[in-house]
Structure formats: C-alpha cells, structure tokens
Amino acid sequence: MSCMSKRIFFCLFIVLFTMPIVGYAQRIKTVLEQETKSSADFYCGLDNFRNSYFIKNNVFVKQSGNQTWEYKNLPLGKITSVDIINPLQIVLFYEQFNTAIMLDNQLNEIRKIDFTEINNSLIISKIGLAGQNQFWIYNAVNQKLILFDYLKNTVKELPIPIEHEIKFYQTDFNTFYWIDEYNNWFSCDIFGKKTLLGNIPAFENIQIVDTEKLLFSVGTKLYYLNTKTQSVIEIEIVENSFGNFYYKDQILSIFTSQEIKNYKIKIP
C-alpha cells in the first residue's frame, strides 16, 4: 500500500470510528435508471432538464436524447472548469488565458470575458455563477474572494480571510463553498458572511449538496456525509472503479471509462 493510500485509509478509519456506528450499519439504496455508453474524458453533470454535459478532446458537449451540441475554443487552451447551474447561462473557464465564456442552451457563445483586459490585477483561479449578473471569483494574486458584475465590469471584494490553500470549491447563486488543505469546510454568502461548516474526511472526489450534506468518494466507495447528525453512510453502487460522480435532484450519475450510469437515489 502506498503512503498516500495509507493516509487516506487512516483518515477514513478515524472518521468511521468517531461518527455514529449506526450510519455504517446501513447503506443508501440505489436503483439503476439509465445506462449510456460514453467515451468522454470528463463528465460535468446533469442540468434541471436531465441534459448531460461532458468534455471530450477539450470540446464541451451537451447531450439531450439523440441531440448533441458542441462548443470548442481551442485557442484558449484547456477548459479548466464548467458551471452548469443555469443551463441558459453556462460558464466555461479557461485559466491559461484568464478568460470566461458564457453559453446559451444551444452552446452558442453569448459573452466572452477576458479578466486581464478588464483589470490586470485580476488573475482568476476559481469562478462560478452567482446571482444578480455576477460571478464568484477567487483572485489568485491576493487570495481574495470577489463578486464580479459581468454587465458592468465592476468588482466587489469581500472582506473575508482565506488563510489556506483551497483544495475544492463549489458555488451556487448565493454561496461560495470551499474546502481547504486541512479539510475544513467553509461557506461565504453574497453579503460576505464566512461560516465554518465542519471538518470532513479525506476524499478523492466530492460534491456539496447543501450546508449540511455532501457526497464523497474514497477508492471505489461512495459515501453520504451529514455534518448535523455527524453520520456517514455508504452508498450502494456496483462499479469496481469510476472516474467521477454527479448528484442532482435524486439522480446519482456514475461516470466510468465506458459509460454513464444514472441511479435513482434518496438521501436522508
């Protein structure tokens, strides 16, 4: 066993025996709903209308039944992140060129934002769609969290400290979530209120559901964590290996090297 594997195992061992045992005597059941063959490089998730999004050969793809749309902008380099929270305003970020692209529901380009042209002190490493015509952005230059109005090109710096390296982040219209290098889980709302939500187990992939719940994977195991009840419950899946997963509206998508499987699931 490698040093990294031992570390992950040890951290998970600690969590297993410090949270209620009842959570581990149970499993969250899943029911297979759909299987789709896929040769994608990365699965981005499902939107509210059950459309699938993925990246293949650095091309962003939307699939709805038998219909497929594509967007590619190879001169901007590699797609760094994708935000599909609003399927009418999809956000692609190209960190190499400090540029965000907004797409409509047919993947037509509706806005291009080069942050360097707007303000050369903005070097963005993390971005997500916020409410009221704004982006959440994390400025790597001064390690500050910012609300950026993309219609007015104005910057509102939020007065909160982010002391440690961000290991994972996720956004919605009202909240910027992040997990630091020590696995501390924080949130910040649009008014600049910072909240420590808890300390979480070691993980490989993770998705935040709300301020109390998240899903995370370690090896071939997938877990549900509730910080309020301090419980961890394994999710029942049959895949021996998978690339990543995505949860939305009681649908759990498991992405493997050959297919995407959608499971019906009800988390507590």
Protein backbone atom coordinates (compact mmCIF):
# COMPACT_ATOMS: atom_id res chain seq x y z
CA MET A 1 0.00 0.00 0.00
CA SER A 2 1.41 3.40 -0.97
CA CYS A 3 1.96 6.20 1.57
CA MET A 4 -0.95 8.16 0.05
CA SER A 5 -3.25 5.10 0.23
CA LYS A 6 -2.25 4.53 3.85
CA ARG A 7 -3.02 8.16 4.67
CA ILE A 8 -6.46 8.02 3.05
CA PHE A 9 -7.21 4.72 4.79
CA PHE A 10 -6.10 6.08 8.17
CA CYS A 11 -8.20 9.27 7.81
CA LEU A 12 -11.25 7.26 6.78
CA PHE A 13 -10.62 4.84 9.69
CA ILE A 14 -10.65 7.74 12.14
CA VAL A 15 -13.92 9.07 10.70
CA LEU A 16 -15.55 5.66 10.78
CA PHE A 17 -14.91 5.27 14.48
CA THR A 18 -15.65 8.80 15.60
CA MET A 19 -19.06 9.06 13.94
CA PRO A 20 -22.15 7.05 14.97
CA ILE A 21 -21.79 3.35 14.14
CA VAL A 22 -25.44 3.22 13.07
CA GLY A 23 -24.50 5.10 9.90
CA TYR A 24 -22.22 2.26 8.86
CA ALA A 25 -24.68 -0.50 9.61
CA GLN A 26 -26.83 0.90 6.82
CA ARG A 27 -26.44 1.55 3.13
CA ILE A 28 -28.26 4.01 0.95
CA LYS A 29 -30.02 2.01 -1.76
CA THR A 30 -29.79 2.93 -5.43
CA VAL A 31 -31.94 1.86 -8.38
CA LEU A 32 -30.37 1.83 -11.85
CA GLU A 33 -32.43 4.05 -14.14
CA GLN A 34 -30.34 4.52 -17.28
CA GLU A 35 -27.06 3.43 -18.87
CA THR A 36 -25.39 5.40 -21.67
CA LYS A 37 -22.20 4.48 -23.50
CA SER A 38 -19.62 7.23 -23.29
CA SER A 39 -16.06 7.86 -24.45
CA ALA A 40 -15.84 11.26 -22.75
CA ASP A 41 -12.74 12.45 -20.92
CA PHE A 42 -14.67 14.12 -18.12
CA TYR A 43 -18.32 14.11 -17.08
CA CYS A 44 -19.64 17.52 -15.98
CA GLY A 45 -23.12 16.53 -14.83
CA LEU A 46 -26.87 16.88 -15.40
CA ASP A 47 -28.95 20.03 -15.55
CA ASN A 48 -32.53 20.61 -14.39
CA PHE A 49 -33.85 19.18 -17.67
CA ARG A 50 -31.79 15.96 -17.46
CA ASN A 51 -29.40 17.03 -20.21
CA SER A 52 -25.87 15.62 -19.85
CA TYR A 53 -22.66 17.62 -20.22
CA PHE A 54 -19.14 16.35 -20.72
CA ILE A 55 -15.74 17.21 -22.15
CA LYS A 56 -14.08 15.20 -24.90
CA ASN A 57 -10.79 16.21 -26.53
CA ASN A 58 -11.18 19.65 -24.92
CA VAL A 59 -14.56 20.11 -26.64
CA PHE A 60 -17.54 20.90 -24.42
CA VAL A 61 -20.56 18.72 -25.30
CA LYS A 62 -24.24 18.82 -24.37
CA GLN A 63 -26.39 15.76 -24.98
CA SER A 64 -30.18 15.61 -24.84
CA GLY A 65 -31.56 12.28 -26.02
CA ASN A 66 -30.32 11.89 -29.59
CA GLN A 67 -29.41 15.57 -29.94
CA THR A 68 -25.86 16.79 -29.41
CA TRP A 69 -24.37 20.29 -29.30
CA GLU A 70 -20.69 21.18 -29.14
CA TYR A 71 -18.57 24.20 -28.25
CA LYS A 72 -14.84 24.42 -28.81
CA ASN A 73 -12.40 27.28 -28.47
CA LEU A 74 -9.02 25.64 -28.83
CA PRO A 75 -7.02 28.93 -28.96
CA LEU A 76 -7.96 29.49 -25.28
CA GLY A 77 -6.27 26.28 -24.21
CA LYS A 78 -7.68 23.68 -21.85
CA ILE A 79 -11.12 24.02 -20.28
CA THR A 80 -10.39 24.44 -16.56
CA SER A 81 -13.91 24.40 -15.11
CA VAL A 82 -17.58 24.21 -16.15
CA ASP A 83 -20.59 25.70 -14.36
CA ILE A 84 -24.00 24.33 -15.46
CA ILE A 85 -26.05 25.64 -12.53
CA ASN A 86 -28.04 27.74 -15.03
CA PRO A 87 -28.44 25.81 -18.33
CA LEU A 88 -29.30 29.09 -20.08
CA GLN A 89 -26.03 30.70 -18.92
CA ILE A 90 -23.36 28.02 -18.89
CA VAL A 91 -19.91 29.22 -17.82
CA LEU A 92 -16.66 27.76 -19.16
CA PHE A 93 -13.39 28.95 -17.68
CA TYR A 94 -10.01 28.87 -19.40
CA GLU A 95 -7.46 29.60 -16.69
CA GLN A 96 -4.48 29.70 -19.07
CA PHE A 97 -5.91 32.82 -20.74
CA ASN A 98 -7.75 34.19 -17.68
CA THR A 99 -10.99 34.10 -19.68
CA ALA A 100 -14.60 33.05 -19.05
CA ILE A 101 -17.08 32.15 -21.80
CA MET A 102 -20.85 32.22 -21.30
CA LEU A 103 -23.01 29.96 -23.48
CA ASP A 104 -26.74 29.68 -24.10
CA ASN A 105 -28.71 26.42 -24.01
CA GLN A 106 -27.57 25.52 -27.54
CA LEU A 107 -23.93 26.27 -26.68
CA ASN A 108 -23.81 29.48 -28.66
CA GLU A 109 -21.32 31.97 -27.25
CA ILE A 110 -23.16 34.91 -25.69
CA ARG A 111 -20.36 36.58 -23.75
CA LYS A 112 -16.58 36.47 -23.54
CA ILE A 113 -14.82 37.99 -20.53
CA ASP A 114 -11.06 38.46 -20.57
CA PHE A 115 -10.30 39.45 -16.98
CA THR A 116 -6.81 40.66 -17.89
CA GLU A 117 -8.26 43.25 -20.26
CA ILE A 118 -10.66 44.47 -17.59
CA ASN A 119 -8.17 44.63 -14.72
CA ASN A 120 -4.65 43.24 -14.94
CA SER A 121 -4.63 42.67 -11.17
CA LEU A 122 -7.33 40.00 -11.59
CA ILE A 123 -5.73 36.60 -12.08
CA ILE A 124 -8.57 34.14 -11.64
CA SER A 125 -8.14 30.56 -10.46
CA LYS A 126 -11.73 29.79 -9.41
CA ILE A 127 -15.04 31.00 -10.80
CA GLY A 128 -18.77 30.25 -10.57
CA LEU A 129 -22.06 31.87 -11.48
CA ALA A 130 -23.66 33.98 -8.74
CA GLY A 131 -26.98 35.80 -8.69
CA GLN A 132 -27.75 39.30 -10.00
CA ASN A 133 -25.50 39.16 -13.11
CA GLN A 134 -22.42 38.30 -11.07
CA PHE A 135 -19.62 35.76 -10.86
CA TRP A 136 -17.98 34.40 -7.77
CA ILE A 137 -14.26 34.69 -8.49
CA TYR A 138 -11.18 33.88 -6.45
CA ASN A 139 -8.29 36.19 -7.24
CA ALA A 140 -5.04 34.22 -7.04
CA VAL A 141 -2.98 37.42 -6.80
CA ASN A 142 -4.21 38.50 -3.35
CA GLN A 143 -6.19 35.37 -2.35
CA LYS A 144 -9.40 37.36 -2.10
CA LEU A 145 -12.96 36.32 -2.89
CA ILE A 146 -14.77 38.71 -5.23
CA LEU A 147 -18.23 39.28 -6.66
CA PHE A 148 -17.77 40.42 -10.25
CA ASP A 149 -20.64 42.10 -12.15
CA TYR A 150 -20.16 40.92 -15.73
CA LEU A 151 -22.56 43.50 -17.19
CA LYS A 152 -20.91 46.50 -15.54
CA ASN A 153 -17.39 45.02 -15.24
CA THR A 154 -17.28 46.06 -11.59
CA VAL A 155 -15.52 44.30 -8.72
CA LYS A 156 -16.76 43.89 -5.14
CA GLU A 157 -14.08 42.43 -2.88
CA LEU A 158 -15.48 40.51 0.08
CA PRO A 159 -13.77 41.21 3.43
CA ILE A 160 -13.15 37.61 4.48
CA PRO A 161 -9.82 35.88 5.06
CA ILE A 162 -8.97 32.69 3.16
CA GLU A 163 -5.87 31.64 5.05
CA HIS A 164 -5.08 28.29 3.48
CA GLU A 165 -4.92 26.77 0.04
CA ILE A 166 -8.28 25.87 -1.47
CA LYS A 167 -8.45 22.14 -2.17
CA PHE A 168 -12.01 22.10 -3.57
CA TYR A 169 -14.69 24.68 -4.26
CA GLN A 170 -18.30 24.76 -5.42
CA THR A 171 -20.76 27.59 -5.94
CA ASP A 172 -24.45 28.34 -6.23
CA PHE A 173 -26.21 31.65 -6.79
CA ASN A 174 -25.95 32.69 -3.15
CA THR A 175 -22.97 30.82 -1.73
CA PHE A 176 -19.28 30.12 -2.36
CA TYR A 177 -18.21 26.87 -0.67
CA TRP A 178 -14.64 25.72 -0.25
CA ILE A 179 -12.61 23.04 1.47
CA ASP A 180 -9.08 23.98 2.45
CA GLU A 181 -5.91 21.88 2.56
CA TYR A 182 -6.78 20.79 6.12
CA ASN A 183 -10.24 19.59 5.03
CA ASN A 184 -12.01 22.45 6.81
CA TRP A 185 -15.29 23.17 5.03
CA PHE A 186 -16.36 26.82 4.77
CA SER A 187 -19.07 28.89 3.11
CA CYS A 188 -19.39 32.56 2.25
CA ASP A 189 -22.68 34.21 1.31
CA ILE A 190 -23.17 37.20 -1.01
CA PHE A 191 -23.02 39.56 1.98
CA GLY A 192 -19.55 38.35 2.91
CA LYS A 193 -20.51 36.20 5.91
CA LYS A 194 -17.99 33.39 6.38
CA THR A 195 -19.08 30.21 8.18
CA LEU A 196 -17.11 27.12 9.22
CA LEU A 197 -19.36 24.18 8.34
CA GLY A 198 -17.14 21.40 9.68
CA ASN A 199 -14.08 19.27 9.13
CA ILE A 200 -14.55 16.43 6.70
CA PRO A 201 -12.84 13.11 5.92
CA ALA A 202 -10.13 12.63 3.32
CA PHE A 203 -11.67 12.33 -0.14
CA GLU A 204 -10.82 11.81 -3.78
CA ASN A 205 -13.97 13.25 -5.37
CA ILE A 206 -16.62 15.29 -3.61
CA GLN A 207 -19.86 17.17 -4.21
CA ILE A 208 -21.63 19.51 -1.81
CA VAL A 209 -25.41 19.08 -1.57
CA ASP A 210 -26.17 21.88 0.90
CA THR A 211 -24.72 23.45 4.06
CA GLU A 212 -25.01 20.16 5.98
CA LYS A 213 -24.71 17.40 3.39
CA LEU A 214 -22.18 16.20 0.88
CA LEU A 215 -21.15 13.10 -1.06
CA PHE A 216 -17.56 11.95 -1.29
CA SER A 217 -15.61 9.02 -2.68
CA VAL A 218 -12.56 7.13 -1.45
CA GLY A 219 -11.25 4.45 -3.80
CA THR A 220 -14.25 2.50 -5.10
CA LYS A 221 -16.51 3.54 -2.21
CA LEU A 222 -19.04 6.37 -2.27
CA TYR A 223 -20.36 7.95 0.93
CA TYR A 224 -23.00 10.38 2.13
CA LEU A 225 -21.99 12.70 4.99
CA ASN A 226 -24.32 14.75 7.18
CA THR A 227 -22.43 17.17 9.44
CA LYS A 228 -25.53 17.98 11.52
CA THR A 229 -26.15 14.37 12.56
CA GLN A 230 -22.42 13.50 12.32
CA SER A 231 -23.23 10.41 10.28
CA VAL A 232 -21.53 8.78 7.31
CA ILE A 233 -23.45 6.23 5.23
CA GLU A 234 -22.10 4.20 2.33
CA ILE A 235 -23.99 4.48 -0.96
CA GLU A 236 -24.68 1.21 -2.71
CA ILE A 237 -23.06 1.09 -6.16
CA VAL A 238 -21.76 -1.86 -8.20
CA GLU A 239 -18.92 -0.17 -10.12
CA ASN A 240 -15.47 -1.54 -9.36
CA SER A 241 -13.97 1.75 -10.47
CA PHE A 242 -15.25 5.11 -11.64
CA GLY A 243 -13.87 8.45 -12.76
CA ASN A 244 -16.24 10.81 -11.01
CA PHE A 245 -19.87 11.20 -10.00
CA TYR A 246 -22.58 13.86 -10.01
CA TYR A 247 -25.74 14.21 -7.90
CA LYS A 248 -28.80 16.30 -8.71
CA ASP A 249 -32.49 16.04 -7.83
CA GLN A 250 -32.27 12.45 -6.51
CA ILE A 251 -30.31 11.25 -9.54
CA LEU A 252 -26.77 9.96 -8.97
CA SER A 253 -24.65 9.73 -12.11
CA ILE A 254 -21.59 7.48 -12.05
CA PHE A 255 -19.04 8.08 -14.81
CA THR A 256 -16.75 5.21 -15.79
CA SER A 257 -14.30 4.81 -18.66
CA GLN A 258 -17.03 3.30 -20.85
CA GLU A 259 -20.41 4.63 -19.74
CA ILE A 260 -22.54 6.93 -17.61
CA LYS A 261 -24.97 5.23 -15.26
CA ASN A 262 -27.85 7.15 -13.70
CA TYR A 263 -29.22 5.82 -10.43
CA LYS A 264 -32.34 6.87 -8.58
CA ILE A 265 -31.36 7.64 -5.01
CA LYS A 266 -32.96 9.17 -1.94
CA ILE A 267 -30.50 10.65 0.51
CA PRO A 268 -31.62 11.26 4.11
